Amino acid sequence: MSAIQSKQGRRITRRRFGLIGGVSSGACFGGMAFLIHILAGRMPASEITFLRAVFAVVFLFPFIVRHGSQWLRSNSVLLWIRSIVGALSVLCFAWNLQHTSVGFANTLFNLAPIVVVILGAIWAHEKLELRRFMNIVLVVLASTLFWQGSRSEVNAGVWFVGLGGMCAAAFAYAALKTLPSLWNPLDIAWCLNLATLPVALLFKHGPWIAPAGNARLMLAAICGLSLFGNVLANLSFRNVELSTATALVPSSIIWGVLLDVGQHNFPPIQGIVGCFLYLLATIRLLVRKQSTPRRSILSVLPAELAD
């Protein structure tokens, strides 16, 4: 009986650790997005993305060399596939940022939790429960309301690229639950950033711009926040159920708004409502009742894995 209690205790501790990682990751990404917004017009997004990836690849290299030739063996295939797909989602998102408004590009990208929940059910990571689905609906609705005021005219290409990038991101998120335990959050972050390098170069146009003055400090902060946010997100996916970890990703919305308010840049009323809805969804995610299982939407799906 003590062994069972000990196992449950470790499970609860891992979940709490994963939740903290997910919320902290959102804070890192929120701060990073805020700084990238400040640098708008001074450095292109493709160049910032490339330098972020270079920093992560170099910084994490000492931690990943222990695997040696395992990076080229069969147990790394899924990790490389996941990284390439994740890099493609970055490319699609960056392309949309240059062909539509920031708000609409984020709205399409933040539809990913819906697809992740469906993939998680198909891959038997967790059941498609009503409670989880309602949390995801709150997240998507919050994101849509928050970006409502910045919509722009869009064409079929924007929809195609945006939804394609969203699906790629959803696959990358869901694949984290399938990766062998050999690969830890640092390995996953390094592989993704390595795959991002050619993607960023492919998207790069025009001359390179050397940052000067306080732009260098902001760029350094962006690189650090991106690295820590990526590692913490991977840690969250390793220790929390898939739907919860994915729904915590857009929490950068809240932190971004707080930073904007600190600069006396208040969002419109629908943005404030969207933040409150996301805060409600986050509370529902963090306060999970340890009770009897709820009725599943798709009862024919496999039973939920222990989380």
C-alpha atoms as a PDB file:
ATOM      1  CA  MET A   1       0.000   0.000   0.000  1.00  0.00           C
ATOM      2  CA  SER A   2       2.895   2.350   0.817  1.00  0.00           C
ATOM      3  CA  ALA A   3       4.422   1.639  -2.585  1.00  0.00           C
ATOM      4  CA  ILE A   4       1.182   2.698  -4.289  1.00  0.00           C
ATOM      5  CA  GLN A   5       0.996   5.849  -2.200  1.00  0.00           C
ATOM      6  CA  SER A   6       4.623   6.617  -3.002  1.00  0.00           C
ATOM      7  CA  LYS A   7       3.949   6.206  -6.714  1.00  0.00           C
ATOM      8  CA  GLN A   8       0.909   8.492  -6.487  1.00  0.00           C
ATOM      9  CA  GLY A   9       2.977  11.035  -4.573  1.00  0.00           C
ATOM     10  CA  ARG A  10       5.657  11.032  -7.277  1.00  0.00           C
ATOM     11  CA  ARG A  11       2.975  11.414  -9.929  1.00  0.00           C
ATOM     12  CA  ILE A  12       1.445  14.419  -8.162  1.00  0.00           C
ATOM     13  CA  THR A  13       4.886  15.976  -7.691  1.00  0.00           C
ATOM     14  CA  ARG A  14       5.735  15.491 -11.369  1.00  0.00           C
ATOM     15  CA  ARG A  15       2.442  17.054 -12.420  1.00  0.00           C
ATOM     16  CA  ARG A  16       2.961  20.044 -10.122  1.00  0.00           C
ATOM     17  CA  PHE A  17       6.480  20.425 -11.498  1.00  0.00           C
ATOM     18  CA  GLY A  18       5.114  20.250 -15.051  1.00  0.00           C
ATOM     19  CA  LEU A  19       2.432  22.843 -14.349  1.00  0.00           C
ATOM     20  CA  ILE A  20       5.006  25.250 -12.941  1.00  0.00           C
ATOM     21  CA  GLY A  21       7.124  24.643 -16.031  1.00  0.00           C
ATOM     22  CA  GLY A  22       4.187  25.347 -18.349  1.00  0.00           C
ATOM     23  CA  VAL A  23       3.224  28.598 -16.642  1.00  0.00           C
ATOM     24  CA  SER A  24       6.874  29.707 -16.473  1.00  0.00           C
ATOM     25  CA  SER A  25       7.269  28.876 -20.154  1.00  0.00           C
ATOM     26  CA  GLY A  26       4.318  31.122 -20.978  1.00  0.00           C
ATOM     27  CA  ALA A  27       5.929  33.931 -18.995  1.00  0.00           C
ATOM     28  CA  CYS A  28       9.196  33.500 -20.919  1.00  0.00           C
ATOM     29  CA  PHE A  29       7.445  33.501 -24.295  1.00  0.00           C
ATOM     30  CA  GLY A  30       5.327  36.502 -23.276  1.00  0.00           C
ATOM     31  CA  GLY A  31       8.421  38.500 -22.371  1.00  0.00           C
ATOM     32  CA  MET A  32      10.154  37.371 -25.555  1.00  0.00           C
ATOM     33  CA  ALA A  33       7.220  38.437 -27.744  1.00  0.00           C
ATOM     34  CA  PHE A  34       7.117  41.802 -25.981  1.00  0.00           C
ATOM     35  CA  LEU A  35      10.800  42.430 -26.729  1.00  0.00           C
ATOM     36  CA  ILE A  36      10.443  41.265 -30.340  1.00  0.00           C
ATOM     37  CA  HIS A  37       7.577  43.735 -30.722  1.00  0.00           C
ATOM     38  CA  ILE A  38       9.815  46.527 -29.420  1.00  0.00           C
ATOM     39  CA  LEU A  39      12.503  45.557 -31.949  1.00  0.00           C
ATOM     40  CA  ALA A  40      10.004  45.683 -34.836  1.00  0.00           C
ATOM     41  CA  GLY A  41      11.442  47.784 -37.648  1.00  0.00           C
ATOM     42  CA  ARG A  42      14.987  47.526 -36.279  1.00  0.00           C
ATOM     43  CA  MET A  43      15.609  43.827 -36.960  1.00  0.00           C
ATOM     44  CA  PRO A  44      13.683  41.421 -39.224  1.00  0.00           C
ATOM     45  CA  ALA A  45      11.877  38.528 -37.552  1.00  0.00           C
ATOM     46  CA  SER A  46      13.770  35.939 -39.635  1.00  0.00           C
ATOM     47  CA  GLU A  47      17.113  37.291 -38.394  1.00  0.00           C
ATOM     48  CA  ILE A  48      15.954  37.257 -34.772  1.00  0.00           C
ATOM     49  CA  THR A  49      14.702  33.679 -35.207  1.00  0.00           C
ATOM     50  CA  PHE A  50      18.032  32.603 -36.701  1.00  0.00           C
ATOM     51  CA  LEU A  51      20.084  34.196 -33.914  1.00  0.00           C
ATOM     52  CA  ARG A  52      17.805  32.662 -31.264  1.00  0.00           C
ATOM     53  CA  ALA A  53      18.383  29.235 -32.785  1.00  0.00           C
ATOM     54  CA  VAL A  54      22.167  29.749 -33.045  1.00  0.00           C
ATOM     55  CA  PHE A  55      22.338  30.749 -29.378  1.00  0.00           C
ATOM     56  CA  ALA A  56      20.333  27.690 -28.278  1.00  0.00           C
ATOM     57  CA  VAL A  57      22.354  25.262 -30.424  1.00  0.00           C
ATOM     58  CA  VAL A  58      25.682  26.566 -29.085  1.00  0.00           C
ATOM     59  CA  PHE A  59      24.554  26.905 -25.458  1.00  0.00           C
ATOM     60  CA  LEU A  60      22.973  23.443 -25.272  1.00  0.00           C
ATOM     61  CA  PHE A  61      25.708  21.593 -27.182  1.00  0.00           C
ATOM     62  CA  PRO A  62      27.708  20.585 -24.065  1.00  0.00           C
ATOM     63  CA  PHE A  63      24.573  18.976 -22.640  1.00  0.00           C
ATOM     64  CA  ILE A  64      23.750  16.843 -25.685  1.00  0.00           C
ATOM     65  CA  VAL A  65      27.179  15.479 -26.707  1.00  0.00           C
ATOM     66  CA  ARG A  66      26.789  12.586 -24.253  1.00  0.00           C
ATOM     67  CA  HIS A  67      24.483  10.881 -26.768  1.00  0.00           C
ATOM     68  CA  GLY A  68      27.256  10.660 -29.357  1.00  0.00           C
ATOM     69  CA  SER A  69      26.257   8.589 -32.361  1.00  0.00           C
ATOM     70  CA  GLN A  70      22.755   7.990 -30.961  1.00  0.00           C
ATOM     71  CA  TRP A  71      21.666  11.170 -32.742  1.00  0.00           C
ATOM     72  CA  LEU A  72      21.987   9.218 -35.998  1.00  0.00           C
ATOM     73  CA  ARG A  73      20.398   5.958 -34.848  1.00  0.00           C
ATOM     74  CA  SER A  74      16.853   4.712 -35.272  1.00  0.00           C
ATOM     75  CA  ASN A  75      15.718   5.836 -31.800  1.00  0.00           C
ATOM     76  CA  SER A  76      16.276   9.451 -32.868  1.00  0.00           C
ATOM     77  CA  VAL A  77      14.120   9.308 -36.016  1.00  0.00           C
ATOM     78  CA  LEU A  78      10.922  10.504 -34.329  1.00  0.00           C
ATOM     79  CA  LEU A  79      12.825  13.298 -32.578  1.00  0.00           C
ATOM     80  CA  TRP A  80      14.203  14.584 -35.910  1.00  0.00           C
ATOM     81  CA  ILE A  81      10.808  14.292 -37.594  1.00  0.00           C
ATOM     82  CA  ARG A  82       9.207  16.187 -34.742  1.00  0.00           C
ATOM     83  CA  SER A  83      11.896  18.891 -34.931  1.00  0.00           C
ATOM     84  CA  ILE A  84      11.574  19.349 -38.691  1.00  0.00           C
ATOM     85  CA  VAL A  85       7.787  19.580 -38.434  1.00  0.00           C
ATOM     86  CA  GLY A  86       8.142  22.058 -35.566  1.00  0.00           C
ATOM     87  CA  ALA A  87      10.547  24.155 -37.636  1.00  0.00           C
ATOM     88  CA  LEU A  88       8.057  24.153 -40.523  1.00  0.00           C
ATOM     89  CA  SER A  89       5.381  25.476 -38.153  1.00  0.00           C
ATOM     90  CA  VAL A  90       7.768  28.305 -37.248  1.00  0.00           C
ATOM     91  CA  LEU A  91       8.243  29.064 -40.944  1.00  0.00           C
ATOM     92  CA  CYS A  92       4.477  29.104 -41.581  1.00  0.00           C
ATOM     93  CA  PHE A  93       3.874  31.381 -38.605  1.00  0.00           C
ATOM     94  CA  ALA A  94       6.655  33.761 -39.670  1.00  0.00           C
ATOM     95  CA  TRP A  95       5.294  33.856 -43.241  1.00  0.00           C
ATOM     96  CA  ASN A  96       1.821  34.701 -41.971  1.00  0.00           C
ATOM     97  CA  LEU A  97       3.213  37.457 -39.755  1.00  0.00           C
ATOM     98  CA  GLN A  98       4.453  39.161 -42.928  1.00  0.00           C
ATOM     99  CA  HIS A  99       1.264  38.606 -44.961  1.00  0.00           C
ATOM    100  CA  THR A 100      -1.459  39.376 -42.422  1.00  0.00           C
ATOM    101  CA  SER A 101      -1.857  41.061 -39.050  1.00  0.00           C
ATOM    102  CA  VAL A 102      -0.075  39.771 -35.958  1.00  0.00           C
ATOM    103  CA  GLY A 103      -3.471  39.172 -34.367  1.00  0.00           C
ATOM    104  CA  PHE A 104      -4.903  36.985 -37.109  1.00  0.00           C
ATOM    105  CA  ALA A 105      -1.665  34.992 -37.417  1.00  0.00           C
ATOM    106  CA  ASN A 106      -1.788  34.253 -33.679  1.00  0.00           C
ATOM    107  CA  THR A 107      -5.486  33.402 -33.823  1.00  0.00           C
ATOM    108  CA  LEU A 108      -4.861  30.692 -36.423  1.00  0.00           C
ATOM    109  CA  PHE A 109      -1.794  29.376 -34.595  1.00  0.00           C
ATOM    110  CA  ASN A 110      -3.620  29.165 -31.259  1.00  0.00           C
ATOM    111  CA  LEU A 111      -6.169  26.768 -32.723  1.00  0.00           C
ATOM    112  CA  ALA A 112      -3.522  24.071 -32.221  1.00  0.00           C
ATOM    113  CA  PRO A 113      -4.866  22.841 -28.826  1.00  0.00           C
ATOM    114  CA  ILE A 114      -8.010  21.524 -30.529  1.00  0.00           C
ATOM    115  CA  VAL A 115      -5.976  19.390 -32.932  1.00  0.00           C
ATOM    116  CA  VAL A 116      -3.647  18.300 -30.119  1.00  0.00           C
ATOM    117  CA  VAL A 117      -6.561  16.961 -28.060  1.00  0.00           C
ATOM    118  CA  ILE A 118      -7.812  14.985 -31.061  1.00  0.00           C
ATOM    119  CA  LEU A 119      -4.322  13.605 -31.805  1.00  0.00           C
ATOM    120  CA  GLY A 120      -3.869  12.717 -28.148  1.00  0.00           C
ATOM    121  CA  ALA A 121      -7.068  10.673 -28.242  1.00  0.00           C
ATOM    122  CA  ILE A 122      -6.121   8.962 -31.518  1.00  0.00           C
ATOM    123  CA  TRP A 123      -2.632   8.103 -30.233  1.00  0.00           C
ATOM    124  CA  ALA A 124      -4.103   6.907 -26.917  1.00  0.00           C
ATOM    125  CA  HIS A 125      -2.279   9.490 -24.796  1.00  0.00           C
ATOM    126  CA  GLU A 126      -5.499  10.491 -23.029  1.00  0.00           C
ATOM    127  CA  LYS A 127      -9.252  10.253 -23.415  1.00  0.00           C
ATOM    128  CA  LEU A 128     -11.198  13.032 -25.088  1.00  0.00           C
ATOM    129  CA  GLU A 129     -13.153  14.075 -21.994  1.00  0.00           C
ATOM    130  CA  LEU A 130     -15.742  16.830 -21.793  1.00  0.00           C
ATOM    131  CA  ARG A 131     -13.798  18.583 -19.011  1.00  0.00           C
ATOM    132  CA  ARG A 132     -10.651  18.761 -21.139  1.00  0.00           C
ATOM    133  CA  PHE A 133     -12.562  19.824 -24.231  1.00  0.00           C
ATOM    134  CA  MET A 134     -14.241  22.684 -22.348  1.00  0.00           C
ATOM    135  CA  ASN A 135     -10.838  23.925 -21.175  1.00  0.00           C
ATOM    136  CA  ILE A 136      -9.588  23.925 -24.761  1.00  0.00           C
ATOM    137  CA  VAL A 137     -12.719  25.795 -25.930  1.00  0.00           C
ATOM    138  CA  LEU A 138     -12.021  28.475 -23.306  1.00  0.00           C
ATOM    139  CA  VAL A 139      -8.408  28.782 -24.478  1.00  0.00           C
ATOM    140  CA  VAL A 140      -9.353  29.124 -28.145  1.00  0.00           C
ATOM    141  CA  LEU A 141     -12.189  31.577 -27.380  1.00  0.00           C
ATOM    142  CA  ALA A 142      -9.869  33.660 -25.195  1.00  0.00           C
ATOM    143  CA  SER A 143      -7.244  33.831 -27.921  1.00  0.00           C
ATOM    144  CA  THR A 144      -9.811  34.748 -30.569  1.00  0.00           C
ATOM    145  CA  LEU A 145     -11.300  37.537 -28.451  1.00  0.00           C
ATOM    146  CA  PHE A 146      -7.897  38.896 -27.528  1.00  0.00           C
ATOM    147  CA  TRP A 147      -6.807  39.234 -31.169  1.00  0.00           C
ATOM    148  CA  GLN A 148     -10.261  40.254 -32.460  1.00  0.00           C
ATOM    149  CA  GLY A 149      -9.399  43.936 -32.824  1.00  0.00           C
ATOM    150  CA  SER A 150      -6.393  43.331 -35.076  1.00  0.00           C
ATOM    151  CA  ARG A 151      -7.974  41.294 -37.865  1.00  0.00           C
ATOM    152  CA  SER A 152      -7.137  42.178 -41.443  1.00  0.00           C
ATOM    153  CA  GLU A 153      -8.200  41.195 -44.925  1.00  0.00           C
ATOM    154  CA  VAL A 154      -6.912  37.705 -45.614  1.00  0.00           C
ATOM    155  CA  ASN A 155      -6.700  35.572 -48.720  1.00  0.00           C
ATOM    156  CA  ALA A 156      -6.773  31.830 -49.253  1.00  0.00           C
ATOM    157  CA  GLY A 157      -2.984  31.616 -48.998  1.00  0.00           C
ATOM    158  CA  VAL A 158      -2.983  33.051 -45.482  1.00  0.00           C
ATOM    159  CA  TRP A 159      -5.641  30.568 -44.399  1.00  0.00           C
ATOM    160  CA  PHE A 160      -3.795  27.644 -45.999  1.00  0.00           C
ATOM    161  CA  VAL A 161      -0.388  28.527 -44.556  1.00  0.00           C
ATOM    162  CA  GLY A 162      -1.807  29.499 -41.164  1.00  0.00           C
ATOM    163  CA  LEU A 163      -3.851  26.333 -40.713  1.00  0.00           C
ATOM    164  CA  GLY A 164      -1.021  24.213 -42.115  1.00  0.00           C
ATOM    165  CA  GLY A 165       1.416  25.721 -39.618  1.00  0.00           C
ATOM    166  CA  MET A 166      -1.105  25.208 -36.838  1.00  0.00           C
ATOM    167  CA  CYS A 167      -1.457  21.507 -37.695  1.00  0.00           C
ATOM    168  CA  ALA A 168       2.328  21.159 -37.861  1.00  0.00           C
ATOM    169  CA  ALA A 169       2.635  22.729 -34.409  1.00  0.00           C
ATOM    170  CA  ALA A 170      -0.084  20.424 -33.064  1.00  0.00           C
ATOM    171  CA  PHE A 171       1.778  17.375 -34.400  1.00  0.00           C
ATOM    172  CA  ALA A 172       5.017  18.628 -32.832  1.00  0.00           C
ATOM    173  CA  TYR A 173       3.286  19.109 -29.470  1.00  0.00           C
ATOM    174  CA  ALA A 174       1.575  15.718 -29.533  1.00  0.00           C
ATOM    175  CA  ALA A 175       4.756  13.921 -30.613  1.00  0.00           C
ATOM    176  CA  LEU A 176       6.464  14.992 -27.389  1.00  0.00           C
ATOM    177  CA  LYS A 177       4.441  12.351 -25.523  1.00  0.00           C
ATOM    178  CA  THR A 178       5.690   9.630 -27.878  1.00  0.00           C
ATOM    179  CA  LEU A 179       9.422  10.395 -27.768  1.00  0.00           C
ATOM    180  CA  PRO A 180      11.575   7.794 -25.978  1.00  0.00           C
ATOM    181  CA  SER A 181      12.578   8.758 -22.426  1.00  0.00           C
ATOM    182  CA  LEU A 182      16.199   8.820 -23.623  1.00  0.00           C
ATOM    183  CA  TRP A 183      15.605  12.356 -24.931  1.00  0.00           C
ATOM    184  CA  ASN A 184      15.177  14.940 -22.183  1.00  0.00           C
ATOM    185  CA  PRO A 185      13.866  18.536 -22.514  1.00  0.00           C
ATOM    186  CA  LEU A 186      17.363  19.878 -23.297  1.00  0.00           C
ATOM    187  CA  ASP A 187      17.841  17.368 -26.114  1.00  0.00           C
ATOM    188  CA  ILE A 188      14.440  18.193 -27.592  1.00  0.00           C
ATOM    189  CA  ALA A 189      15.117  21.935 -27.468  1.00  0.00           C
ATOM    190  CA  TRP A 190      18.545  21.534 -29.115  1.00  0.00           C
ATOM    191  CA  CYS A 191      17.180  19.387 -31.929  1.00  0.00           C
ATOM    192  CA  LEU A 192      14.325  21.800 -32.665  1.00  0.00           C
ATOM    193  CA  ASN A 193      16.646  24.803 -32.797  1.00  0.00           C
ATOM    194  CA  LEU A 194      19.092  22.964 -35.047  1.00  0.00           C
ATOM    195  CA  ALA A 195      16.235  22.209 -37.453  1.00  0.00           C
ATOM    196  CA  THR A 196      15.144  25.868 -37.249  1.00  0.00           C
ATOM    197  CA  LEU A 197      18.466  27.177 -38.612  1.00  0.00           C
ATOM    198  CA  PRO A 198      17.888  26.236 -42.279  1.00  0.00           C
ATOM    199  CA  VAL A 199      14.246  27.277 -41.999  1.00  0.00           C
ATOM    200  CA  ALA A 200      15.208  30.745 -40.780  1.00  0.00           C
ATOM    201  CA  LEU A 201      17.830  31.084 -43.537  1.00  0.00           C
ATOM    202  CA  LEU A 202      15.250  30.043 -46.124  1.00  0.00           C
ATOM    203  CA  PHE A 203      12.945  32.782 -44.910  1.00  0.00           C
ATOM    204  CA  LYS A 204      15.696  35.415 -44.683  1.00  0.00           C
ATOM    205  CA  HIS A 205      15.590  38.173 -47.318  1.00  0.00           C
ATOM    206  CA  GLY A 206      17.669  41.308 -47.654  1.00  0.00           C
ATOM    207  CA  PRO A 207      20.935  42.279 -45.936  1.00  0.00           C
ATOM    208  CA  TRP A 208      21.811  41.294 -42.398  1.00  0.00           C
ATOM    209  CA  ILE A 209      21.359  44.023 -39.801  1.00  0.00           C
ATOM    210  CA  ALA A 210      23.835  44.244 -36.929  1.00  0.00           C
ATOM    211  CA  PRO A 211      22.080  45.277 -33.674  1.00  0.00           C
ATOM    212  CA  ALA A 212      23.430  48.330 -31.916  1.00  0.00           C
ATOM    213  CA  GLY A 213      23.012  49.935 -28.513  1.00  0.00           C
ATOM    214  CA  ASN A 214      20.180  48.610 -26.340  1.00  0.00           C
ATOM    215  CA  ALA A 215      19.036  46.401 -29.218  1.00  0.00           C
ATOM    216  CA  ARG A 216      21.911  44.072 -28.345  1.00  0.00           C
ATOM    217  CA  LEU A 217      20.691  43.751 -24.775  1.00  0.00           C
ATOM    218  CA  MET A 218      17.131  43.091 -25.939  1.00  0.00           C
ATOM    219  CA  LEU A 219      18.365  40.512 -28.442  1.00  0.00           C
ATOM    220  CA  ALA A 220      20.348  38.762 -25.705  1.00  0.00           C
ATOM    221  CA  ALA A 221      17.240  38.731 -23.495  1.00  0.00           C
ATOM    222  CA  ILE A 222      15.165  37.340 -26.385  1.00  0.00           C
ATOM    223  CA  CYS A 223      17.657  34.506 -26.897  1.00  0.00           C
ATOM    224  CA  GLY A 224      17.680  33.653 -23.201  1.00  0.00           C
ATOM    225  CA  LEU A 225      13.902  33.790 -22.812  1.00  0.00           C
ATOM    226  CA  SER A 226      13.406  31.712 -25.963  1.00  0.00           C
ATOM    227  CA  LEU A 227      15.795  29.024 -24.719  1.00  0.00           C
ATOM    228  CA  PHE A 228      14.341  28.792 -21.220  1.00  0.00           C
ATOM    229  CA  GLY A 229      10.779  28.964 -22.545  1.00  0.00           C
ATOM    230  CA  ASN A 230      11.447  26.107 -24.951  1.00  0.00           C
ATOM    231  CA  VAL A 231      13.057  23.879 -22.314  1.00  0.00           C
ATOM    232  CA  LEU A 232      10.334  24.610 -19.744  1.00  0.00           C
ATOM    233  CA  ALA A 233       7.610  23.849 -22.305  1.00  0.00           C
ATOM    234  CA  ASN A 234       9.248  20.493 -23.072  1.00  0.00           C
ATOM    235  CA  LEU A 235       9.446  19.800 -19.339  1.00  0.00           C
ATOM    236  CA  SER A 236       5.742  20.558 -19.015  1.00  0.00           C
ATOM    237  CA  PHE A 237       4.818  18.166 -21.822  1.00  0.00           C
ATOM    238  CA  ARG A 238       6.903  15.441 -20.200  1.00  0.00           C
ATOM    239  CA  ASN A 239       5.148  15.703 -16.827  1.00  0.00           C
ATOM    240  CA  VAL A 240       1.600  16.935 -17.513  1.00  0.00           C
ATOM    241  CA  GLU A 241      -1.255  15.469 -19.531  1.00  0.00           C
ATOM    242  CA  LEU A 242      -1.098  16.520 -23.172  1.00  0.00           C
ATOM    243  CA  SER A 243      -4.221  18.700 -23.268  1.00  0.00           C
ATOM    244  CA  THR A 244      -3.168  20.687 -20.194  1.00  0.00           C
ATOM    245  CA  ALA A 245       0.399  21.282 -21.370  1.00  0.00           C
ATOM    246  CA  THR A 246      -0.814  22.442 -24.793  1.00  0.00           C
ATOM    247  CA  ALA A 247      -3.427  24.775 -23.339  1.00  0.00           C
ATOM    248  CA  LEU A 248      -0.754  26.422 -21.170  1.00  0.00           C
ATOM    249  CA  VAL A 249       1.292  27.397 -24.237  1.00  0.00           C
ATOM    250  CA  PRO A 250      -0.845  30.497 -25.105  1.00  0.00           C
ATOM    251  CA  SER A 251      -0.509  31.772 -21.518  1.00  0.00           C
ATOM    252  CA  SER A 252       2.041  34.191 -22.968  1.00  0.00           C
ATOM    253  CA  ILE A 253      -1.048  36.280 -23.842  1.00  0.00           C
ATOM    254  CA  ILE A 254      -1.525  37.235 -20.184  1.00  0.00           C
ATOM    255  CA  TRP A 255       2.116  38.107 -19.582  1.00  0.00           C
ATOM    256  CA  GLY A 256       2.275  40.088 -22.821  1.00  0.00           C
ATOM    257  CA  VAL A 257      -0.746  42.142 -21.766  1.00  0.00           C
ATOM    258  CA  LEU A 258       0.750  42.839 -18.340  1.00  0.00           C
ATOM    259  CA  LEU A 259       3.945  44.083 -19.977  1.00  0.00           C
ATOM    260  CA  ASP A 260       1.920  46.254 -22.364  1.00  0.00           C
ATOM    261  CA  VAL A 261      -0.050  47.721 -19.465  1.00  0.00           C
ATOM    262  CA  GLY A 262       3.243  48.478 -17.754  1.00  0.00           C
ATOM    263  CA  GLN A 263       4.068  50.584 -20.811  1.00  0.00           C
ATOM    264  CA  HIS A 264       0.651  52.327 -20.554  1.00  0.00           C
ATOM    265  CA  ASN A 265      -0.544  50.500 -23.672  1.00  0.00           C
ATOM    266  CA  PHE A 266      -3.957  49.175 -22.655  1.00  0.00           C
ATOM    267  CA  PRO A 267      -5.646  46.560 -24.870  1.00  0.00           C
ATOM    268  CA  PRO A 268      -9.214  47.037 -26.154  1.00  0.00           C
ATOM    269  CA  ILE A 269     -12.124  45.701 -24.115  1.00  0.00           C
ATOM    270  CA  GLN A 270     -12.321  42.411 -26.049  1.00  0.00           C
ATOM    271  CA  GLY A 271      -8.630  41.871 -25.308  1.00  0.00           C
ATOM    272  CA  ILE A 272      -9.259  42.275 -21.579  1.00  0.00           C
ATOM    273  CA  VAL A 273     -12.218  39.862 -21.765  1.00  0.00           C
ATOM    274  CA  GLY A 274     -10.022  37.380 -23.649  1.00  0.00           C
ATOM    275  CA  CYS A 275      -7.362  37.568 -20.920  1.00  0.00           C
ATOM    276  CA  PHE A 276      -9.949  36.919 -18.210  1.00  0.00           C
ATOM    277  CA  LEU A 277     -11.291  33.921 -20.136  1.00  0.00           C
ATOM    278  CA  TYR A 278      -7.803  32.523 -20.485  1.00  0.00           C
ATOM    279  CA  LEU A 279      -7.168  33.132 -16.791  1.00  0.00           C
ATOM    280  CA  LEU A 280     -10.333  31.165 -16.039  1.00  0.00           C
ATOM    281  CA  ALA A 281      -9.142  28.339 -18.299  1.00  0.00           C
ATOM    282  CA  THR A 282      -5.747  28.348 -16.579  1.00  0.00           C
ATOM    283  CA  ILE A 283      -7.345  28.075 -13.150  1.00  0.00           C
ATOM    284  CA  ARG A 284      -9.447  25.138 -14.377  1.00  0.00           C
ATOM    285  CA  LEU A 285      -6.264  23.499 -15.660  1.00  0.00           C
ATOM    286  CA  LEU A 286      -4.262  24.048 -12.492  1.00  0.00           C
ATOM    287  CA  VAL A 287      -7.033  22.943 -10.115  1.00  0.00           C
ATOM    288  CA  ARG A 288      -7.797  19.437 -11.256  1.00  0.00           C
ATOM    289  CA  LYS A 289     -10.100  17.399  -9.048  1.00  0.00           C
ATOM    290  CA  GLN A 290      -8.716  14.013  -8.053  1.00  0.00           C
ATOM    291  CA  SER A 291     -12.066  12.273  -8.239  1.00  0.00           C
ATOM    292  CA  THR A 292     -13.769   9.489 -10.121  1.00  0.00           C
ATOM    293  CA  PRO A 293     -13.289   9.512 -13.902  1.00  0.00           C
ATOM    294  CA  ARG A 294     -15.711  11.594 -15.906  1.00  0.00           C
ATOM    295  CA  ARG A 295     -17.644  10.372 -18.883  1.00  0.00           C
ATOM    296  CA  SER A 296     -15.577  10.359 -22.048  1.00  0.00           C
ATOM    297  CA  ILE A 297     -16.821  11.993 -25.242  1.00  0.00           C
ATOM    298  CA  LEU A 298     -15.532   9.057 -27.268  1.00  0.00           C
ATOM    299  CA  SER A 299     -16.011   5.985 -25.140  1.00  0.00           C
ATOM    300  CA  VAL A 300     -14.434   3.768 -27.780  1.00  0.00           C
ATOM    301  CA  LEU A 301     -11.015   5.395 -27.349  1.00  0.00           C
ATOM    302  CA  PRO A 302      -8.318   3.636 -25.269  1.00  0.00           C
ATOM    303  CA  ALA A 303      -8.134   4.363 -21.562  1.00  0.00           C
ATOM    304  CA  GLU A 304      -6.122   7.346 -20.432  1.00  0.00           C
ATOM    305  CA  LEU A 305      -2.489   6.744 -19.673  1.00  0.00           C
ATOM    306  CA  ALA A 306      -1.334   7.536 -16.178  1.00  0.00           C
ATOM    307  CA  ASP A 307      -0.272  11.131 -15.940  1.00  0.00           C
END
